[in-house]
C-alpha atoms as a PDB file:
ATOM      1  CA  UNK A   1     172.318 201.725 139.587  1.00  0.00           C
ATOM      2  CA  UNK A   2     172.473 200.490 143.604  1.00  0.00           C
ATOM      3  CA  UNK A   3     175.469 200.786 145.757  1.00  0.00           C
ATOM      4  CA  UNK A   4     176.792 197.471 147.044  1.00  0.00           C
ATOM      5  CA  UNK A   5     178.591 199.095 149.795  1.00  0.00           C
ATOM      6  CA  UNK A   6     175.113 200.243 151.588  1.00  0.00           C
ATOM      7  CA  UNK A   7     173.725 198.176 154.567  1.00  0.00           C
ATOM      8  CA  UNK A   8     171.202 195.431 154.599  1.00  0.00           C
ATOM      9  CA  UNK A   9     169.103 197.745 156.719  1.00  0.00           C
ATOM     10  CA  UNK A  10     167.581 201.014 155.900  1.00  0.00           C
ATOM     11  CA  UNK A  11     167.324 204.069 157.976  1.00  0.00           C
ATOM     12  CA  UNK A  12     164.578 203.872 160.602  1.00  0.00           C
ATOM     13  CA  UNK A  13     164.978 200.553 160.981  1.00  0.00           C
ATOM     14  CA  UNK A  14     163.449 199.084 157.810  1.00  0.00           C
ATOM     15  CA  UNK A  15     165.451 196.446 155.428  1.00  0.00           C
ATOM     16  CA  UNK A  16     165.809 196.237 151.939  1.00  0.00           C
ATOM     17  CA  UNK A  17     162.287 195.482 151.376  1.00  0.00           C
ATOM     18  CA  UNK A  18     160.737 198.208 153.886  1.00  0.00           C
ATOM     19  CA  UNK A  19     159.793 195.950 156.429  1.00  0.00           C
ATOM     20  CA  UNK A  20     160.839 196.691 159.948  1.00  0.00           C
ATOM     21  CA  UNK A  21     163.743 194.601 161.819  1.00  0.00           C
ATOM     22  CA  UNK A  22     162.712 192.283 164.483  1.00  0.00           C
ATOM     23  CA  UNK A  23     164.898 194.299 167.017  1.00  0.00           C
ATOM     24  CA  UNK A  24     162.254 197.174 166.176  1.00  0.00           C
ATOM     25  CA  UNK A  25     159.305 195.280 167.074  1.00  0.00           C
ATOM     26  CA  UNK A  26     160.972 193.643 170.561  1.00  0.00           C
ATOM     27  CA  UNK A  27     162.101 197.377 171.351  1.00  0.00           C
ATOM     28  CA  UNK A  28     158.962 198.917 171.038  1.00  0.00           C
ATOM     29  CA  UNK A  29     157.214 196.274 173.176  1.00  0.00           C
ATOM     30  CA  UNK A  30     159.364 196.562 175.863  1.00  0.00           C
ATOM     31  CA  UNK A  31     158.643 200.139 176.696  1.00  0.00           C
ATOM     32  CA  UNK A  32     157.941 201.340 180.160  1.00  0.00           C
ATOM     33  CA  UNK A  33     154.902 202.675 181.499  1.00  0.00           C
ATOM     34  CA  UNK A  34     155.240 205.715 183.662  1.00  0.00           C
ATOM     35  CA  UNK A  35     154.393 203.765 186.554  1.00  0.00           C
ATOM     36  CA  UNK A  36     157.010 201.359 186.027  1.00  0.00           C
ATOM     37  CA  UNK A  37     159.720 204.390 184.945  1.00  0.00           C
ATOM     38  CA  UNK A  38     158.598 205.604 188.528  1.00  0.00           C
ATOM     39  CA  UNK A  39     159.337 202.296 190.072  1.00  0.00           C
ATOM     40  CA  UNK A  40     162.634 201.892 188.447  1.00  0.00           C
ATOM     41  CA  UNK A  41     163.567 205.570 189.388  1.00  0.00           C
ATOM     42  CA  UNK A  42     162.721 204.261 192.928  1.00  0.00           C
ATOM     43  CA  UNK A  43     165.270 201.645 192.664  1.00  0.00           C
ATOM     44  CA  UNK A  44     168.797 203.201 193.219  1.00  0.00           C
ATOM     45  CA  UNK A  45     170.343 199.312 192.541  1.00  0.00           C
ATOM     46  CA  UNK A  46     169.126 199.585 188.566  1.00  0.00           C
ATOM     47  CA  UNK A  47     170.544 202.394 186.273  1.00  0.00           C
ATOM     48  CA  UNK A  48     167.664 205.206 185.498  1.00  0.00           C
ATOM     49  CA  UNK A  49     165.744 203.451 182.204  1.00  0.00           C
ATOM     50  CA  UNK A  50     166.701 206.384 179.837  1.00  0.00           C
ATOM     51  CA  UNK A  51     164.939 205.717 176.759  1.00  0.00           C
ATOM     52  CA  UNK A  52     161.902 204.944 178.725  1.00  0.00           C
ATOM     53  CA  UNK A  53     162.104 208.125 180.630  1.00  0.00           C
ATOM     54  CA  UNK A  54     159.536 209.596 177.522  1.00  0.00           C
ATOM     55  CA  UNK A  55     156.710 207.766 179.437  1.00  0.00           C
ATOM     56  CA  UNK A  56     156.986 210.701 182.223  1.00  0.00           C
ATOM     57  CA  UNK A  57     156.324 213.202 179.600  1.00  0.00           C
ATOM     58  CA  UNK A  58     153.072 215.172 179.947  1.00  0.00           C
ATOM     59  CA  UNK A  59     152.749 214.054 183.431  1.00  0.00           C
ATOM     60  CA  UNK A  60     148.794 213.309 184.702  1.00  0.00           C
ATOM     61  CA  UNK A  61     147.889 214.444 188.286  1.00  0.00           C
ATOM     62  CA  UNK A  62     148.467 210.395 188.943  1.00  0.00           C
ATOM     63  CA  UNK A  63     151.908 210.383 187.456  1.00  0.00           C
ATOM     64  CA  UNK A  64     152.749 214.133 189.101  1.00  0.00           C
ATOM     65  CA  UNK A  65     151.844 212.772 192.365  1.00  0.00           C
ATOM     66  CA  UNK A  66     153.935 209.669 192.361  1.00  0.00           C
ATOM     67  CA  UNK A  67     156.929 211.609 191.551  1.00  0.00           C
ATOM     68  CA  UNK A  68     155.942 214.167 194.450  1.00  0.00           C
ATOM     69  CA  UNK A  69     156.129 211.086 196.851  1.00  0.00           C
ATOM     70  CA  UNK A  70     158.979 209.280 195.577  1.00  0.00           C
ATOM     71  CA  UNK A  71     161.046 212.496 195.363  1.00  0.00           C
ATOM     72  CA  UNK A  72     162.164 213.097 199.103  1.00  0.00           C
ATOM     73  CA  UNK A  73     163.465 208.696 198.938  1.00  0.00           C
ATOM     74  CA  UNK A  74     165.476 209.478 195.935  1.00  0.00           C
ATOM     75  CA  UNK A  75     169.276 210.196 196.856  1.00  0.00           C
ATOM     76  CA  UNK A  76     169.904 213.838 195.392  1.00  0.00           C
ATOM     77  CA  UNK A  77     172.826 212.557 193.231  1.00  0.00           C
ATOM     78  CA  UNK A  78     170.065 210.022 191.417  1.00  0.00           C
ATOM     79  CA  UNK A  79     167.631 213.178 191.064  1.00  0.00           C
ATOM     80  CA  UNK A  80     170.318 215.189 189.617  1.00  0.00           C
ATOM     81  CA  UNK A  81     170.837 212.073 187.005  1.00  0.00           C
ATOM     82  CA  UNK A  82     166.921 211.855 186.418  1.00  0.00           C
ATOM     83  CA  UNK A  83     166.332 215.571 185.593  1.00  0.00           C
ATOM     84  CA  UNK A  84     169.490 215.694 183.488  1.00  0.00           C
ATOM     85  CA  UNK A  85     168.264 212.855 181.641  1.00  0.00           C
ATOM     86  CA  UNK A  86     165.178 214.040 181.297  1.00  0.00           C
ATOM     87  CA  UNK A  87     166.439 217.522 179.986  1.00  0.00           C
ATOM     88  CA  UNK A  88     168.779 215.474 177.213  1.00  0.00           C
ATOM     89  CA  UNK A  89     165.742 213.823 175.950  1.00  0.00           C
ATOM     90  CA  UNK A  90     163.864 216.959 175.682  1.00  0.00           C
ATOM     91  CA  UNK A  91     166.603 218.545 173.854  1.00  0.00           C
ATOM     92  CA  UNK A  92     166.628 215.589 171.647  1.00  0.00           C
ATOM     93  CA  UNK A  93     162.701 215.479 170.690  1.00  0.00           C
ATOM     94  CA  UNK A  94     161.376 218.763 171.331  1.00  0.00           C
ATOM     95  CA  UNK A  95     157.567 217.162 171.667  1.00  0.00           C
ATOM     96  CA  UNK A  96     158.486 215.800 175.203  1.00  0.00           C
ATOM     97  CA  UNK A  97     157.371 217.892 178.084  1.00  0.00           C
ATOM     98  CA  UNK A  98     158.708 216.953 181.473  1.00  0.00           C
ATOM     99  CA  UNK A  99     157.211 220.011 183.212  1.00  0.00           C
ATOM    100  CA  UNK A 100     155.642 218.491 185.903  1.00  0.00           C
ATOM    101  CA  UNK A 101     158.849 216.600 186.886  1.00  0.00           C
ATOM    102  CA  UNK A 102     161.017 219.651 186.856  1.00  0.00           C
ATOM    103  CA  UNK A 103     158.368 221.800 188.808  1.00  0.00           C
ATOM    104  CA  UNK A 104     158.261 218.891 191.727  1.00  0.00           C
ATOM    105  CA  UNK A 105     162.208 219.380 191.891  1.00  0.00           C
ATOM    106  CA  UNK A 106     161.783 223.212 191.938  1.00  0.00           C
ATOM    107  CA  UNK A 107     162.086 223.328 195.854  1.00  0.00           C
ATOM    108  CA  UNK A 108     164.292 220.521 196.373  1.00  0.00           C
ATOM    109  CA  UNK A 109     166.885 221.149 199.412  1.00  0.00           C
ATOM    110  CA  UNK A 110     170.268 220.219 196.857  1.00  0.00           C
ATOM    111  CA  UNK A 111     170.911 223.416 195.021  1.00  0.00           C
ATOM    112  CA  UNK A 112     172.523 221.395 192.395  1.00  0.00           C
ATOM    113  CA  UNK A 113     169.011 219.752 191.988  1.00  0.00           C
ATOM    114  CA  UNK A 114     167.119 222.800 191.468  1.00  0.00           C
ATOM    115  CA  UNK A 115     169.193 224.337 189.256  1.00  0.00           C
ATOM    116  CA  UNK A 116     168.777 221.507 187.094  1.00  0.00           C
ATOM    117  CA  UNK A 117     164.935 221.604 187.621  1.00  0.00           C
ATOM    118  CA  UNK A 118     165.140 225.380 186.341  1.00  0.00           C
ATOM    119  CA  UNK A 119     167.271 224.603 183.509  1.00  0.00           C
ATOM    120  CA  UNK A 120     164.519 222.187 182.323  1.00  0.00           C
ATOM    121  CA  UNK A 121     161.887 224.724 182.817  1.00  0.00           C
ATOM    122  CA  UNK A 122     164.121 227.290 180.733  1.00  0.00           C
ATOM    123  CA  UNK A 123     161.440 227.872 178.079  1.00  0.00           C
ATOM    124  CA  UNK A 124     158.315 227.879 179.654  1.00  0.00           C
ATOM    125  CA  UNK A 125     156.879 231.023 179.233  1.00  0.00           C
ATOM    126  CA  UNK A 126     153.206 230.537 181.692  1.00  0.00           C
ATOM    127  CA  UNK A 127     153.367 233.567 184.478  1.00  0.00           C
ATOM    128  CA  UNK A 128     152.801 230.723 187.312  1.00  0.00           C
ATOM    129  CA  UNK A 129     155.978 229.334 186.398  1.00  0.00           C
ATOM    130  CA  UNK A 130     157.661 232.336 186.295  1.00  0.00           C
ATOM    131  CA  UNK A 131     156.595 233.480 189.463  1.00  0.00           C
ATOM    132  CA  UNK A 132     158.185 229.877 190.835  1.00  0.00           C
ATOM    133  CA  UNK A 133     161.635 230.578 189.217  1.00  0.00           C
ATOM    134  CA  UNK A 134     161.620 234.079 190.301  1.00  0.00           C
ATOM    135  CA  UNK A 135     160.792 232.637 193.772  1.00  0.00           C
ATOM    136  CA  UNK A 136     163.521 229.970 194.012  1.00  0.00           C
END
């Protein structure tokens, strides 16, 4: 017998009829591209778009190059916030890979930023990454 105290919306955004809620569709449509996320990160007047940072996963050459160009123009506190946010997302979802963003931060002049970059690479086992980590 169904429990009357069960909320109308089920797990995963499904209602009682197995349909996605309108909010789920709207949220999916509002996801930013990697270029848009980079532009948002560059805008110090706006918060970092935490839930859209997944667009930076498995960054291709163009995305990595854009991050490298942007990196020196971002304030150290915002760079640290970005790296910490990427780490939280990766901890929440093990399929996300932000290694190229973390690698771009290894030579940051700010020690705290370099530490966050190394933490973001803590599960990395490739020899070339290990050499970079031990040289830092």
